[in-house]
PDB file of all heavy atoms in Angstrom:
ATOM      1  N   ALA A   1      23.341 -16.751   1.417  1.00  0.00           N
ATOM      2  CA  ALA A   1      22.437 -17.874   1.178  1.00  0.00           C
ATOM      3  C   ALA A   1      21.221 -17.428   0.360  1.00  0.00           C
ATOM      4  O   ALA A   1      20.812 -18.099  -0.593  1.00  0.00           O
ATOM      5  CB  ALA A   1      21.994 -18.486   2.499  1.00  0.00           C
ATOM      6  N   LEU A   2      20.641 -16.293   0.722  1.00  0.00           N
ATOM      7  CA  LEU A   2      19.444 -15.818   0.029  1.00  0.00           C
ATOM      8  C   LEU A   2      19.729 -15.460  -1.425  1.00  0.00           C
ATOM      9  O   LEU A   2      18.920 -15.742  -2.317  1.00  0.00           O
ATOM     10  CB  LEU A   2      18.860 -14.604   0.768  1.00  0.00           C
ATOM     11  CG  LEU A   2      18.290 -14.879   2.157  1.00  0.00           C
ATOM     12  CD1 LEU A   2      17.850 -13.574   2.813  1.00  0.00           C
ATOM     13  CD2 LEU A   2      17.112 -15.844   2.076  1.00  0.00           C
ATOM     14  N   VAL A   3      20.870 -14.816  -1.655  1.00  0.00           N
ATOM     15  CA  VAL A   3      21.232 -14.445  -3.021  1.00  0.00           C
ATOM     16  C   VAL A   3      21.314 -15.672  -3.912  1.00  0.00           C
ATOM     17  O   VAL A   3      20.887 -15.655  -5.071  1.00  0.00           O
ATOM     18  CB  VAL A   3      22.576 -13.682  -3.035  1.00  0.00           C
ATOM     19  CG1 VAL A   3      23.181 -13.665  -4.443  1.00  0.00           C
ATOM     20  CG2 VAL A   3      22.388 -12.253  -2.538  1.00  0.00           C
ATOM     21  N   ASN A   4      21.830 -16.753  -3.373  1.00  0.00           N
ATOM     22  CA  ASN A   4      22.095 -17.931  -4.190  1.00  0.00           C
ATOM     23  C   ASN A   4      20.922 -18.888  -4.309  1.00  0.00           C
ATOM     24  O   ASN A   4      20.973 -19.819  -5.108  1.00  0.00           O
ATOM     25  CB  ASN A   4      23.317 -18.675  -3.643  1.00  0.00           C
ATOM     26  CG  ASN A   4      24.604 -17.978  -4.011  1.00  0.00           C
ATOM     27  OD1 ASN A   4      25.140 -18.176  -5.087  1.00  0.00           O
ATOM     28  ND2 ASN A   4      25.105 -17.124  -3.122  1.00  0.00           N
ATOM     29  N   ILE A   5      19.851 -18.653  -3.548  1.00  0.00           N
ATOM     30  CA  ILE A   5      18.719 -19.572  -3.649  1.00  0.00           C
ATOM     31  C   ILE A   5      17.447 -18.905  -4.151  1.00  0.00           C
ATOM     32  O   ILE A   5      16.453 -19.591  -4.364  1.00  0.00           O
ATOM     33  CB  ILE A   5      18.417 -20.265  -2.304  1.00  0.00           C
ATOM     34  CG1 ILE A   5      17.936 -19.254  -1.270  1.00  0.00           C
ATOM     35  CG2 ILE A   5      19.605 -21.048  -1.818  1.00  0.00           C
ATOM     36  CD1 ILE A   5      17.523 -19.888   0.060  1.00  0.00           C
ATOM     37  N   SER A   6      17.457 -17.601  -4.332  1.00  0.00           N
ATOM     38  CA  SER A   6      16.217 -16.943  -4.736  1.00  0.00           C
ATOM     39  C   SER A   6      16.063 -16.867  -6.240  1.00  0.00           C
ATOM     40  O   SER A   6      15.496 -17.770  -6.869  1.00  0.00           O
ATOM     41  CB  SER A   6      16.119 -15.559  -4.094  1.00  0.00           C
ATOM     42  OG  SER A   6      17.242 -14.752  -4.433  1.00  0.00           O
ATOM     43  N   LYS A   7      16.605 -15.818  -6.853  1.00  0.00           N
ATOM     44  CA  LYS A   7      16.355 -15.633  -8.288  1.00  0.00           C
ATOM     45  C   LYS A   7      16.980 -16.707  -9.155  1.00  0.00           C
ATOM     46  O   LYS A   7      16.402 -17.109 -10.164  1.00  0.00           O
ATOM     47  CB  LYS A   7      16.861 -14.264  -8.726  1.00  0.00           C
ATOM     48  CG  LYS A   7      15.856 -13.158  -8.482  1.00  0.00           C
ATOM     49  CD  LYS A   7      16.241 -11.920  -9.234  1.00  0.00           C
ATOM     50  CE  LYS A   7      15.128 -10.890  -9.156  1.00  0.00           C
ATOM     51  NZ  LYS A   7      15.481  -9.648  -9.862  1.00  0.00           N
ATOM     52  N   ALA A   8      18.163 -17.159  -8.783  1.00  0.00           N
ATOM     53  CA  ALA A   8      18.830 -18.161  -9.618  1.00  0.00           C
ATOM     54  C   ALA A   8      18.017 -19.445  -9.722  1.00  0.00           C
ATOM     55  O   ALA A   8      18.126 -20.182 -10.699  1.00  0.00           O
ATOM     56  CB  ALA A   8      20.223 -18.459  -9.070  1.00  0.00           C
ATOM     57  N   ALA A   9      17.196 -19.718  -8.696  1.00  0.00           N
ATOM     58  CA  ALA A   9      16.411 -20.951  -8.684  1.00  0.00           C
ATOM     59  C   ALA A   9      15.038 -20.786  -9.327  1.00  0.00           C
ATOM     60  O   ALA A   9      14.335 -21.770  -9.553  1.00  0.00           O
ATOM     61  CB  ALA A   9      16.240 -21.440  -7.241  1.00  0.00           C
ATOM     62  N   ALA A  10      14.641 -19.561  -9.654  1.00  0.00           N
ATOM     63  CA  ALA A  10      13.282 -19.303 -10.134  1.00  0.00           C
ATOM     64  C   ALA A  10      12.889 -20.117 -11.366  1.00  0.00           C
ATOM     65  O   ALA A  10      11.771 -20.652 -11.426  1.00  0.00           O
ATOM     66  CB  ALA A  10      13.107 -17.811 -10.407  1.00  0.00           C
ATOM     67  N   PRO A  11      13.748 -20.253 -12.391  1.00  0.00           N
ATOM     68  CA  PRO A  11      13.317 -21.033 -13.561  1.00  0.00           C
ATOM     69  C   PRO A  11      13.078 -22.514 -13.267  1.00  0.00           C
ATOM     70  O   PRO A  11      12.310 -23.160 -13.962  1.00  0.00           O
ATOM     71  CB  PRO A  11      14.496 -20.855 -14.544  1.00  0.00           C
ATOM     72  CG  PRO A  11      15.189 -19.618 -14.093  1.00  0.00           C
ATOM     73  CD  PRO A  11      15.060 -19.630 -12.599  1.00  0.00           C
ATOM     74  N   MET A  12      13.728 -23.035 -12.235  1.00  0.00           N
ATOM     75  CA  MET A  12      13.639 -24.462 -11.942  1.00  0.00           C
ATOM     76  C   MET A  12      12.555 -24.777 -10.919  1.00  0.00           C
ATOM     77  O   MET A  12      11.910 -25.819 -10.988  1.00  0.00           O
ATOM     78  CB  MET A  12      15.003 -24.964 -11.443  1.00  0.00           C
ATOM     79  CG  MET A  12      16.113 -24.823 -12.463  1.00  0.00           C
ATOM     80  SD  MET A  12      17.725 -25.213 -11.761  1.00  0.00           S
ATOM     81  CE  MET A  12      18.006 -23.793 -10.695  1.00  0.00           C
ATOM     82  N   ILE A  13      12.369 -23.899  -9.939  1.00  0.00           N
ATOM     83  CA  ILE A  13      11.381 -24.140  -8.880  1.00  0.00           C
ATOM     84  C   ILE A  13      10.532 -22.877  -8.727  1.00  0.00           C
ATOM     85  O   ILE A  13      10.666 -22.128  -7.752  1.00  0.00           O
ATOM     86  CB  ILE A  13      12.075 -24.528  -7.555  1.00  0.00           C
ATOM     87  CG1 ILE A  13      13.365 -23.710  -7.349  1.00  0.00           C
ATOM     88  CG2 ILE A  13      12.366 -25.996  -7.503  1.00  0.00           C
ATOM     89  CD1 ILE A  13      14.037 -24.000  -6.039  1.00  0.00           C
ATOM     90  N   PRO A  14       9.665 -22.614  -9.688  1.00  0.00           N
ATOM     91  CA  PRO A  14       8.949 -21.339  -9.746  1.00  0.00           C
ATOM     92  C   PRO A  14       8.049 -21.049  -8.551  1.00  0.00           C
ATOM     93  O   PRO A  14       7.960 -19.914  -8.106  1.00  0.00           O
ATOM     94  CB  PRO A  14       8.140 -21.451 -11.043  1.00  0.00           C
ATOM     95  CG  PRO A  14       8.030 -22.924 -11.309  1.00  0.00           C
ATOM     96  CD  PRO A  14       9.296 -23.506 -10.794  1.00  0.00           C
ATOM     97  N   PHE A  15       7.389 -22.069  -8.015  1.00  0.00           N
ATOM     98  CA  PHE A  15       6.415 -21.805  -6.956  1.00  0.00           C
ATOM     99  C   PHE A  15       7.100 -21.500  -5.623  1.00  0.00           C
ATOM    100  O   PHE A  15       6.681 -20.610  -4.883  1.00  0.00           O
ATOM    101  CB  PHE A  15       5.454 -22.991  -6.824  1.00  0.00           C
ATOM    102  CG  PHE A  15       4.673 -23.255  -8.085  1.00  0.00           C
ATOM    103  CD1 PHE A  15       4.926 -24.374  -8.848  1.00  0.00           C
ATOM    104  CD2 PHE A  15       3.698 -22.367  -8.515  1.00  0.00           C
ATOM    105  CE1 PHE A  15       4.225 -24.625 -10.022  1.00  0.00           C
ATOM    106  CE2 PHE A  15       2.989 -22.593  -9.700  1.00  0.00           C
ATOM    107  CZ  PHE A  15       3.258 -23.725 -10.445  1.00  0.00           C
ATOM    108  N   MET A  16       8.162 -22.255  -5.316  1.00  0.00           N
ATOM    109  CA  MET A  16       8.875 -22.014  -4.064  1.00  0.00           C
ATOM    110  C   MET A  16       9.566 -20.647  -4.070  1.00  0.00           C
ATOM    111  O   MET A  16       9.526 -19.910  -3.083  1.00  0.00           O
ATOM    112  CB  MET A  16       9.887 -23.123  -3.805  1.00  0.00           C
ATOM    113  CG  MET A  16       9.282 -24.451  -3.439  1.00  0.00           C
ATOM    114  SD  MET A  16      10.529 -25.680  -2.994  1.00  0.00           S
ATOM    115  CE  MET A  16       9.491 -27.082  -2.629  1.00  0.00           C
ATOM    116  N   THR A  17      10.205 -20.317  -5.197  1.00  0.00           N
ATOM    117  CA  THR A  17      10.902 -19.031  -5.241  1.00  0.00           C
ATOM    118  C   THR A  17       9.909 -17.876  -5.243  1.00  0.00           C
ATOM    119  O   THR A  17      10.211 -16.794  -4.741  1.00  0.00           O
ATOM    120  CB  THR A  17      11.803 -18.934  -6.486  1.00  0.00           C
ATOM    121  OG1 THR A  17      11.054 -19.285  -7.650  1.00  0.00           O
ATOM    122  CG2 THR A  17      13.000 -19.854  -6.369  1.00  0.00           C
ATOM    123  N   GLU A  18       8.712 -18.102  -5.791  1.00  0.00           N
ATOM    124  CA  GLU A  18       7.681 -17.065  -5.731  1.00  0.00           C
ATOM    125  C   GLU A  18       7.281 -16.785  -4.285  1.00  0.00           C
ATOM    126  O   GLU A  18       7.101 -15.626  -3.876  1.00  0.00           O
ATOM    127  CB  GLU A  18       6.450 -17.495  -6.539  1.00  0.00           C
ATOM    128  CG  GLU A  18       5.331 -16.471  -6.556  1.00  0.00           C
ATOM    129  CD  GLU A  18       5.734 -15.189  -7.262  1.00  0.00           C
ATOM    130  OE1 GLU A  18       6.636 -15.220  -8.130  1.00  0.00           O
ATOM    131  OE2 GLU A  18       5.148 -14.147  -6.944  1.00  0.00           O
ATOM    132  N   GLU A  19       7.166 -17.862  -3.492  1.00  0.00           N
ATOM    133  CA  GLU A  19       6.817 -17.685  -2.077  1.00  0.00           C
ATOM    134  C   GLU A  19       7.913 -16.932  -1.332  1.00  0.00           C
ATOM    135  O   GLU A  19       7.631 -16.054  -0.521  1.00  0.00           O
ATOM    136  CB  GLU A  19       6.585 -19.049  -1.427  1.00  0.00           C
ATOM    137  CG  GLU A  19       6.152 -18.953   0.031  1.00  0.00           C
ATOM    138  CD  GLU A  19       5.844 -20.303   0.629  1.00  0.00           C
ATOM    139  OE1 GLU A  19       5.869 -21.316  -0.107  1.00  0.00           O
ATOM    140  OE2 GLU A  19       5.573 -20.350   1.849  1.00  0.00           O
ATOM    141  N   ILE A  20       9.184 -17.276  -1.628  1.00  0.00           N
ATOM    142  CA  ILE A  20      10.301 -16.565  -1.007  1.00  0.00           C
ATOM    143  C   ILE A  20      10.250 -15.091  -1.372  1.00  0.00           C
ATOM    144  O   ILE A  20      10.412 -14.205  -0.527  1.00  0.00           O
ATOM    145  CB  ILE A  20      11.646 -17.183  -1.452  1.00  0.00           C
ATOM    146  CG1 ILE A  20      11.781 -18.593  -0.901  1.00  0.00           C
ATOM    147  CG2 ILE A  20      12.819 -16.317  -0.989  1.00  0.00           C
ATOM    148  CD1 ILE A  20      12.989 -19.341  -1.440  1.00  0.00           C
ATOM    149  N   TYR A  21      10.020 -14.815  -2.654  1.00  0.00           N
ATOM    150  CA  TYR A  21       9.986 -13.430  -3.137  1.00  0.00           C
ATOM    151  C   TYR A  21       8.862 -12.646  -2.462  1.00  0.00           C
ATOM    152  O   TYR A  21       9.054 -11.503  -2.024  1.00  0.00           O
ATOM    153  CB  TYR A  21       9.802 -13.434  -4.656  1.00  0.00           C
ATOM    154  CG  TYR A  21       9.664 -12.071  -5.273  1.00  0.00           C
ATOM    155  CD1 TYR A  21      10.782 -11.289  -5.534  1.00  0.00           C
ATOM    156  CD2 TYR A  21       8.418 -11.566  -5.619  1.00  0.00           C
ATOM    157  CE1 TYR A  21      10.664 -10.032  -6.109  1.00  0.00           C
ATOM    158  CE2 TYR A  21       8.283 -10.314  -6.194  1.00  0.00           C
ATOM    159  CZ  TYR A  21       9.415  -9.547  -6.439  1.00  0.00           C
ATOM    160  OH  TYR A  21       9.282  -8.308  -7.012  1.00  0.00           O
ATOM    161  N   GLN A  22       7.698 -13.242  -2.370  1.00  0.00           N
ATOM    162  CA  GLN A  22       6.571 -12.539  -1.749  1.00  0.00           C
ATOM    163  C   GLN A  22       6.851 -12.235  -0.273  1.00  0.00           C
ATOM    164  O   GLN A  22       6.514 -11.166   0.237  1.00  0.00           O
ATOM    165  CB  GLN A  22       5.291 -13.370  -1.878  1.00  0.00           C
ATOM    166  CG  GLN A  22       4.808 -13.561  -3.303  1.00  0.00           C
ATOM    167  CD  GLN A  22       4.449 -12.256  -3.995  1.00  0.00           C
ATOM    168  OE1 GLN A  22       3.994 -11.300  -3.365  1.00  0.00           O
ATOM    169  NE2 GLN A  22       4.679 -12.203  -5.308  1.00  0.00           N
ATOM    170  N   ASN A  23       7.496 -13.176   0.419  1.00  0.00           N
ATOM    171  CA  ASN A  23       7.785 -12.978   1.838  1.00  0.00           C
ATOM    172  C   ASN A  23       8.906 -11.976   2.074  1.00  0.00           C
ATOM    173  O   ASN A  23       8.841 -11.157   3.009  1.00  0.00           O
ATOM    174  CB  ASN A  23       8.167 -14.313   2.495  1.00  0.00           C
ATOM    175  CG  ASN A  23       6.975 -15.245   2.612  1.00  0.00           C
ATOM    176  OD1 ASN A  23       5.833 -14.806   2.650  1.00  0.00           O
ATOM    177  ND2 ASN A  23       7.240 -16.539   2.636  1.00  0.00           N
ATOM    178  N   LEU A  24       9.943 -12.016   1.216  1.00  0.00           N
ATOM    179  CA  LEU A  24      11.124 -11.187   1.442  1.00  0.00           C
ATOM    180  C   LEU A  24      11.016  -9.800   0.819  1.00  0.00           C
ATOM    181  O   LEU A  24      11.528  -8.830   1.369  1.00  0.00           O
ATOM    182  CB  LEU A  24      12.374 -11.874   0.892  1.00  0.00           C
ATOM    183  CG  LEU A  24      12.905 -13.062   1.672  1.00  0.00           C
ATOM    184  CD1 LEU A  24      14.060 -13.698   0.912  1.00  0.00           C
ATOM    185  CD2 LEU A  24      13.372 -12.623   3.048  1.00  0.00           C
ATOM    186  N   VAL A  25      10.370  -9.723  -0.347  1.00  0.00           N
ATOM    187  CA  VAL A  25      10.377  -8.469  -1.095  1.00  0.00           C
ATOM    188  C   VAL A  25       9.026  -7.770  -1.061  1.00  0.00           C
ATOM    189  O   VAL A  25       8.905  -6.640  -0.588  1.00  0.00           O
ATOM    190  CB  VAL A  25      10.804  -8.726  -2.562  1.00  0.00           C
ATOM    191  CG1 VAL A  25      10.790  -7.415  -3.353  1.00  0.00           C
ATOM    192  CG2 VAL A  25      12.195  -9.353  -2.597  1.00  0.00           C
ATOM    193  N   ARG A  26       7.983  -8.435  -1.532  1.00  0.00           N
ATOM    194  CA  ARG A  26       6.682  -7.777  -1.646  1.00  0.00           C
ATOM    195  C   ARG A  26       6.102  -7.365  -0.308  1.00  0.00           C
ATOM    196  O   ARG A  26       5.393  -6.373  -0.209  1.00  0.00           O
ATOM    197  CB  ARG A  26       5.706  -8.709  -2.368  1.00  0.00           C
ATOM    198  CG  ARG A  26       5.978  -8.862  -3.858  1.00  0.00           C
ATOM    199  CD  ARG A  26       5.473  -7.684  -4.649  1.00  0.00           C
ATOM    200  NE  ARG A  26       4.012  -7.638  -4.619  1.00  0.00           N
ATOM    201  CZ  ARG A  26       3.296  -6.629  -5.071  1.00  0.00           C
ATOM    202  NH1 ARG A  26       3.877  -5.559  -5.561  1.00  0.00           N
ATOM    203  NH2 ARG A  26       1.975  -6.668  -5.013  1.00  0.00           N
ATOM    204  N   SER A  27       6.430  -8.128   0.745  1.00  0.00           N
ATOM    205  CA  SER A  27       5.910  -7.779   2.071  1.00  0.00           C
ATOM    206  C   SER A  27       6.502  -6.479   2.591  1.00  0.00           C
ATOM    207  O   SER A  27       5.923  -5.812   3.452  1.00  0.00           O
ATOM    208  CB  SER A  27       6.188  -8.905   3.066  1.00  0.00           C
ATOM    209  OG  SER A  27       7.586  -9.089   3.228  1.00  0.00           O
ATOM    210  N   ILE A  28       7.667  -6.099   2.066  1.00  0.00           N
ATOM    211  CA  ILE A  28       8.352  -4.887   2.517  1.00  0.00           C
ATOM    212  C   ILE A  28       8.261  -3.780   1.483  1.00  0.00           C
ATOM    213  O   ILE A  28       8.169  -2.599   1.817  1.00  0.00           O
ATOM    214  CB  ILE A  28       9.824  -5.206   2.837  1.00  0.00           C
ATOM    215  CG1 ILE A  28       9.899  -6.203   4.000  1.00  0.00           C
ATOM    216  CG2 ILE A  28      10.619  -3.945   3.176  1.00  0.00           C
ATOM    217  CD1 ILE A  28      11.298  -6.674   4.314  1.00  0.00           C
ATOM    218  N   ASP A  29       8.283  -4.147   0.194  1.00  0.00           N
ATOM    219  CA  ASP A  29       8.287  -3.169  -0.890  1.00  0.00           C
ATOM    220  C   ASP A  29       7.098  -3.425  -1.816  1.00  0.00           C
ATOM    221  O   ASP A  29       7.216  -4.149  -2.806  1.00  0.00           O
ATOM    222  CB  ASP A  29       9.601  -3.269  -1.672  1.00  0.00           C
ATOM    223  CG  ASP A  29       9.696  -2.228  -2.784  1.00  0.00           C
ATOM    224  OD1 ASP A  29       8.824  -1.335  -2.832  1.00  0.00           O
ATOM    225  OD2 ASP A  29      10.631  -2.318  -3.597  1.00  0.00           O
ATOM    226  N   PRO A  30       5.931  -2.818  -1.520  1.00  0.00           N
ATOM    227  CA  PRO A  30       4.738  -3.048  -2.348  1.00  0.00           C
ATOM    228  C   PRO A  30       4.898  -2.573  -3.786  1.00  0.00           C
ATOM    229  O   PRO A  30       4.154  -3.012  -4.677  1.00  0.00           O
ATOM    230  CB  PRO A  30       3.649  -2.233  -1.627  1.00  0.00           C
ATOM    231  CG  PRO A  30       4.159  -2.031  -0.231  1.00  0.00           C
ATOM    232  CD  PRO A  30       5.651  -1.960  -0.358  1.00  0.00           C
ATOM    233  N   SER A  31       5.862  -1.688  -4.047  1.00  0.00           N
ATOM    234  CA  SER A  31       6.057  -1.182  -5.399  1.00  0.00           C
ATOM    235  C   SER A  31       6.856  -2.151  -6.275  1.00  0.00           C
ATOM    236  O   SER A  31       6.983  -1.928  -7.482  1.00  0.00           O
ATOM    237  CB  SER A  31       6.783   0.173  -5.358  1.00  0.00           C
ATOM    238  OG  SER A  31       8.109   0.020  -4.861  1.00  0.00           O
ATOM    239  N   ALA A  32       7.398  -3.206  -5.693  1.00  0.00           N
ATOM    240  CA  ALA A  32       8.157  -4.187  -6.460  1.00  0.00           C
ATOM    241  C   ALA A  32       7.229  -4.926  -7.420  1.00  0.00           C
ATOM    242  O   ALA A  32       6.009  -4.969  -7.219  1.00  0.00           O
ATOM    243  CB  ALA A  32       8.833  -5.180  -5.523  1.00  0.00           C
TER     244      ALA A  32
END
């Protein structure tokens, strides 16, 4: 589910996918 709703959706819904990215990736990997 996450693979199919995160990056693929970024061009269409930039703000929501940014929030997902910050919660899933940046919160765990600060070097991202």
